Protein backbone atom coordinates (compact mmCIF):
# COMPACT_ATOMS: atom_id res chain seq x y z
CA SER A 1 0.00 0.00 0.00
CA GLN A 2 1.06 3.60 -0.53
CA THR A 3 2.64 5.50 2.32
CA PRO A 4 1.24 8.91 3.33
CA GLN A 5 4.39 10.55 2.01
CA ALA A 6 3.90 8.97 -1.40
CA LYS A 7 0.40 10.36 -1.67
CA ASN A 8 1.50 13.94 -1.06
CA THR A 9 2.76 15.69 -4.16
CA TRP A 10 4.93 18.78 -3.89
CA VAL A 11 1.94 20.92 -4.83
CA GLU A 12 -0.18 19.41 -2.04
CA LEU A 13 2.60 19.95 0.49
CA MET A 14 3.02 23.60 -0.48
CA VAL A 15 -0.73 24.29 -0.54
CA SER A 16 -1.16 22.62 2.86
CA GLY A 17 1.66 24.66 4.36
CA ALA A 18 0.34 27.93 2.96
CA PHE A 19 -3.26 27.19 3.99
CA SER A 20 -2.31 26.30 7.56
CA ARG A 21 -0.32 29.51 7.97
CA VAL A 22 -3.06 31.72 6.51
CA MET A 23 -5.62 30.19 8.88
CA GLY A 24 -3.36 30.94 11.81
CA GLN A 25 -2.76 34.54 10.75
CA LEU A 26 -6.45 35.28 10.26
CA CYS A 27 -7.24 34.05 13.76
CA LEU A 28 -4.29 35.48 15.68
CA HIS A 29 -3.20 38.72 14.05
CA PRO A 30 -4.71 40.85 16.88
CA ALA A 31 -2.37 39.19 19.39
CA ASP A 32 0.59 40.05 17.16
CA THR A 33 -0.54 43.69 16.96
CA VAL A 34 -0.79 43.96 20.75
CA LYS A 35 2.61 42.28 21.11
CA THR A 36 4.22 44.75 18.71
CA ARG A 37 2.89 47.77 20.59
CA LEU A 38 3.98 46.44 23.98
CA GLN A 39 7.48 45.66 22.72
CA PHE A 40 7.94 49.00 20.97
CA GLN A 41 6.81 51.29 23.79
CA GLY A 42 9.64 50.39 26.18
CA THR A 43 10.42 53.43 28.31
CA ARG A 44 9.87 55.96 25.52
CA THR A 45 7.78 59.05 26.35
CA ASP A 46 6.46 59.65 22.84
CA VAL A 47 4.77 56.27 22.63
CA ARG A 48 1.49 55.54 24.36
CA ALA A 49 2.08 53.49 27.52
CA TYR A 50 0.07 50.31 27.94
CA THR A 51 0.13 48.59 31.31
CA SER A 52 -0.74 45.12 30.01
CA ALA A 53 -1.87 43.19 26.96
CA ILE A 54 -5.51 43.46 28.06
CA HIS A 55 -5.17 47.20 28.62
CA ALA A 56 -3.60 47.64 25.19
CA CYS A 57 -6.34 45.64 23.50
CA ARG A 58 -9.14 47.47 25.32
CA THR A 59 -7.60 50.89 24.64
CA MET A 60 -7.14 50.16 20.94
CA VAL A 61 -10.73 49.01 20.51
CA GLN A 62 -12.14 52.00 22.43
CA GLU A 63 -10.00 54.69 20.77
CA GLU A 64 -9.24 53.29 17.32
CA GLY A 65 -11.94 50.72 16.67
CA ALA A 66 -11.84 46.92 16.53
CA LEU A 67 -10.28 46.90 13.05
CA SER A 68 -7.14 48.52 14.48
CA LEU A 69 -6.23 45.07 15.79
CA TYR A 70 -5.97 43.85 12.18
CA ARG A 71 -3.71 46.62 10.87
CA GLY A 72 -0.89 45.19 8.79
CA LEU A 73 -2.65 41.88 8.07
CA SER A 74 -2.64 42.36 4.30
CA SER A 75 1.10 43.10 4.33
CA ARG A 76 1.75 39.92 6.31
CA LEU A 77 -0.36 37.68 4.08
CA LEU A 78 1.56 38.84 1.00
CA TYR A 79 4.72 37.09 2.17
CA VAL A 80 3.29 34.43 4.49
CA VAL A 81 1.70 32.38 1.70
CA PRO A 82 4.81 31.74 -0.45
CA ALA A 83 7.16 31.55 2.56
CA ALA A 84 5.07 28.97 4.41
CA ALA A 85 4.63 26.92 1.25
CA MET A 86 8.39 26.66 0.71
CA ASN A 87 9.21 26.03 4.37
CA PHE A 88 6.79 23.14 4.73
CA PHE A 89 7.79 21.63 1.40
CA PHE A 90 11.47 21.39 2.39
CA TYR A 91 10.55 20.37 5.94
CA GLU A 92 8.62 17.37 4.61
CA ARG A 93 11.42 16.51 2.20
CA LEU A 94 13.95 16.57 5.02
CA LYS A 95 11.76 14.52 7.38
CA THR A 96 11.02 11.94 4.67
CA ASN A 97 14.70 11.53 3.85
CA ILE A 98 15.58 11.11 7.54
CA GLN A 99 12.84 8.54 8.19
CA ALA A 100 13.23 6.61 4.93
CA PRO A 101 14.80 3.16 5.43
CA VAL A 102 18.19 2.65 3.84
CA GLN A 103 17.73 0.53 0.74
CA SER A 104 20.25 -2.13 -0.09
CA GLY A 105 22.82 -0.94 -2.58
CA THR A 106 22.24 2.73 -1.76
CA SER A 107 25.48 4.64 -1.48
CA PRO A 108 25.97 6.46 1.88
CA LEU A 109 27.12 9.45 -0.14
CA VAL A 110 23.84 9.55 -2.08
CA ARG A 111 21.80 9.38 1.13
CA TRP A 112 23.95 12.07 2.75
CA MET A 113 23.50 14.31 -0.28
CA ASP A 114 19.71 13.84 -0.15
CA LEU A 115 19.66 14.82 3.52
CA ALA A 116 22.03 17.74 2.99
CA GLY A 117 20.05 18.97 0.00
CA SER A 118 16.76 18.92 1.90
CA GLY A 119 18.30 20.56 4.96
CA PHE A 120 19.96 23.24 2.88
CA GLY A 121 16.69 23.83 1.04
CA LEU A 122 14.86 24.39 4.33
CA PHE A 123 17.60 26.70 5.59
CA ALA A 124 17.82 28.62 2.29
CA SER A 125 14.04 29.00 2.02
CA ARG A 126 13.94 30.49 5.51
CA VAL A 127 16.82 32.86 4.80
CA LEU A 128 15.33 33.94 1.47
CA GLY A 129 11.92 34.28 3.08
CA SER A 130 13.34 36.55 5.79
CA VAL A 131 15.14 38.71 3.23
CA VAL A 132 12.10 39.10 0.99
CA ARG A 133 9.65 39.59 3.82
CA THR A 134 11.59 42.28 5.70
CA PRO A 135 10.04 45.27 3.82
CA PHE A 136 6.57 43.76 4.25
CA ASP A 137 7.27 43.10 7.93
CA VAL A 138 8.37 46.68 8.47
CA VAL A 139 5.20 47.96 6.77
CA LYS A 140 3.09 45.64 8.92
CA GLN A 141 4.72 46.81 12.14
CA ARG A 142 4.45 50.47 11.23
CA GLN A 143 0.76 50.03 10.56
CA GLN A 144 0.37 48.18 13.84
CA VAL A 145 1.93 50.93 15.97
CA HIS A 146 -0.09 53.65 14.24
CA GLY A 147 -2.22 55.14 16.99
CA ALA A 148 0.34 54.42 19.70
CA LEU A 149 2.59 57.18 18.39
CA ARG A 150 2.07 60.72 19.62
CA LEU A 151 4.22 62.15 16.86
CA GLY A 152 3.01 62.71 13.33
CA ASN A 153 0.34 60.99 11.30
CA LEU A 154 1.43 57.50 10.30
CA THR A 155 -0.77 55.65 7.82
CA GLY A 156 -0.36 52.43 5.94
CA ARG A 157 0.03 54.37 2.68
CA ASN A 158 2.76 56.56 4.16
CA SER A 159 4.55 53.47 5.47
CA ILE A 160 4.54 51.83 2.04
CA LEU A 161 5.75 55.03 0.35
CA HIS A 162 8.55 55.34 2.86
CA ILE A 163 9.62 51.75 2.19
CA LEU A 164 9.60 52.31 -1.57
CA GLN A 165 11.59 55.55 -1.27
CA ASP A 166 14.23 53.84 0.88
CA PHE A 167 13.89 50.30 -0.50
CA ARG A 168 17.52 49.20 -0.22
CA LEU A 169 17.81 50.31 3.39
CA SER A 170 14.54 48.63 4.36
CA LEU A 171 15.40 45.41 2.55
CA PHE A 172 19.01 44.89 3.56
CA SER A 173 19.71 46.91 6.70
CA MET A 174 16.94 45.24 8.68
CA THR A 175 17.34 41.72 7.28
CA HIS A 176 19.93 40.78 9.87
CA ALA A 177 17.46 41.68 12.61
CA SER A 178 14.89 39.35 11.05
CA LEU A 179 17.38 36.52 10.57
CA LEU A 180 18.56 36.90 14.16
CA ARG A 181 15.12 35.79 15.31
CA ASP A 182 13.78 33.72 12.41
CA LEU A 183 16.51 31.10 12.10
CA PRO A 184 16.61 30.11 15.79
CA PHE A 185 12.81 30.17 15.93
CA MET A 186 12.49 27.86 12.92
CA PHE A 187 14.99 25.36 14.33
CA LEU A 188 13.45 25.37 17.82
CA SER A 189 9.90 25.14 16.49
CA PHE A 190 10.39 22.24 14.08
CA SER A 191 12.73 20.28 16.36
CA SER A 192 10.58 20.64 19.50
CA TYR A 193 7.45 19.65 17.54
CA GLU A 194 9.11 16.47 16.28
CA ALA A 195 10.54 15.75 19.75
CA SER A 196 7.08 16.08 21.29
CA ILE A 197 5.49 13.81 18.68
CA GLU A 198 8.22 11.21 19.18
CA ALA A 199 7.83 11.37 22.98
CA GLN A 200 4.08 10.85 22.71
CA ARG A 201 4.59 7.97 20.28
CA ARG A 202 6.92 6.24 22.75
CA ILE A 203 4.46 6.72 25.60
CA LEU A 204 1.66 5.19 23.54
CA ALA A 205 3.80 2.21 22.59
CA ARG A 206 5.20 1.69 26.09
CA ASP A 207 2.61 -0.93 27.10
CA GLY A 208 2.36 -2.59 23.72
CA GLY A 209 -0.31 -0.22 22.44
CA VAL A 210 -0.63 1.17 18.94
CA ALA A 211 1.56 4.24 18.56
CA GLU A 212 -0.88 6.09 16.32
CA ILE A 213 -0.86 9.88 16.35
CA TRP A 214 -4.20 11.69 16.29
CA THR A 215 -5.28 15.33 16.29
CA PRO A 216 -4.99 15.77 20.11
CA HIS A 217 -1.34 14.72 19.89
CA HIS A 218 -0.70 17.36 17.22
CA LEU A 219 -2.44 19.92 19.47
CA ILE A 220 -0.10 19.11 22.34
CA ALA A 221 3.01 19.08 20.15
CA GLY A 222 2.02 22.31 18.42
CA ALA A 223 1.38 24.15 21.69
CA PHE A 224 4.66 22.86 23.16
CA SER A 225 6.74 23.85 20.14
CA GLY A 226 5.15 27.31 20.08
CA PHE A 227 5.83 27.81 23.79
CA PHE A 228 9.41 26.53 23.63
CA ALA A 229 10.43 28.57 20.58
CA CYS A 230 8.62 31.71 21.78
CA VAL A 231 10.17 31.88 25.24
CA LEU A 232 13.73 31.32 24.02
CA THR A 233 13.52 33.84 21.16
CA ASN A 234 11.48 36.63 22.78
CA PRO A 235 14.57 38.76 23.59
CA LEU A 236 15.53 38.54 19.91
CA ASP A 237 11.98 39.49 18.90
CA VAL A 238 12.03 42.55 21.16
CA VAL A 239 15.26 43.75 19.56
CA LYS A 240 13.99 43.02 16.05
CA THR A 241 10.75 44.93 16.65
CA ARG A 242 12.45 47.98 18.13
CA MET A 243 15.11 48.12 15.43
CA GLN A 244 12.53 47.94 12.65
CA VAL A 245 9.80 50.13 14.09
CA GLN A 246 12.09 52.94 15.30
CA GLN A 247 12.26 54.01 11.65
CA THR A 248 8.83 55.60 12.21
CA LEU A 249 10.48 58.16 14.49
CA PRO A 250 12.47 61.21 13.38
CA VAL A 251 16.17 60.41 12.98
CA GLU A 252 17.14 62.42 16.05
CA LYS A 253 14.68 60.46 18.21
CA ARG A 254 15.76 56.95 17.15
CA PRO A 255 17.32 55.44 20.27
CA TYR A 256 19.23 52.49 18.80
CA GLN A 257 22.24 52.60 16.50
CA SER A 258 22.68 48.84 16.00
CA ILE A 259 21.47 45.47 17.24
CA ARG A 260 24.28 45.32 19.77
CA HIS A 261 23.48 48.83 20.99
CA CYS A 262 19.81 47.90 21.27
CA PHE A 263 20.61 44.84 23.42
CA SER A 264 22.90 46.92 25.63
CA ARG A 265 20.49 49.84 26.06
CA VAL A 266 17.47 47.65 26.83
CA MET A 267 19.48 45.84 29.51
CA GLN A 268 20.77 49.08 31.03
CA GLU A 269 17.45 50.96 31.05
CA GLU A 270 14.91 48.17 31.56
CA GLY A 271 16.82 45.14 32.79
CA LEU A 272 15.80 41.59 31.93
CA ALA A 273 12.15 42.66 32.12
CA GLY A 274 12.70 44.67 28.94
CA PHE A 275 13.40 41.49 27.00
CA ALA A 276 10.14 40.01 28.28
CA GLN A 277 8.05 42.85 26.82
CA GLY A 278 5.10 41.44 24.90
CA LEU A 279 5.84 37.88 26.03
CA ARG A 280 2.28 37.07 27.12
CA PRO A 281 0.51 38.08 23.88
CA ARG A 282 3.38 36.56 21.89
CA LEU A 283 2.99 33.30 23.81
CA ALA A 284 -0.72 33.31 23.10
CA TYR A 285 0.05 34.06 19.46
CA CYS A 286 2.86 31.52 18.97
CA MET A 287 1.24 28.65 20.87
CA SER A 288 -2.14 29.12 19.18
CA LEU A 289 -0.58 29.72 15.76
CA SER A 290 1.63 26.65 16.04
CA THR A 291 -1.35 24.54 17.09
CA ILE A 292 -3.53 25.80 14.25
CA ILE A 293 -0.74 25.33 11.70
CA TRP A 294 0.09 21.74 12.64
CA VAL A 295 -3.55 20.66 12.98
CA SER A 296 -4.54 22.38 9.71
CA TYR A 297 -1.46 21.01 7.96
């Protein structure tokens, strides 16, 4: 009989990956908006101060309307669809090559090249995705913090025009900030998901039972992988957000000169608590998004 991997064509894998990510974004974008505002405000006086995620959400709805929670969604969907499709395609290729039994007569070099090719494809797709998405991500974040700023009138149209006028800076200067978070997050997310699935499979088979994985097991693994990757990368996400969104401020009011300077200044002025800014809404976002993605996928 055909294995599940054999039934899935590359088109089906890419469509499944893209669909699962879109579903997650549609459901959880408000949590990402709240997270972005909490991370950006820091100790700055020209940014509206929110005391908690609930306070930020309530204030936004009361003062800017419920749709303010979905600002930047269109910008995110533009890059999420192709990026998720490529990531999941290479992820499945890599997992299939790892799990495939070694056939007699197969050269170790050939098998190693298959594994290396799939792994490099996953890595390269993530790097390329981060590079291409950076301008869209900056637009999304600028739209999300609109309303929290007390300076100027920031609109989505103005954000896009600013990106187009300074395209090279937006694309390349901020890519390293995206990669700093994206690559560790991808590795931690995929590896912790597989580790959780394998642990559950062993528990099920411990007493001679059938080690069959169902939807509840994917829910548990998805939530765990989202939690694990989110907690460990939140300091990187805080730095990434502040580096990218500070471009909305006048040059003389931009507090950070580089990633290293941002790390140093956050630690000096806010302590470790500064790196935990937005952790609660980001946890809700990452855990729920990871669960929706893996169950939908």
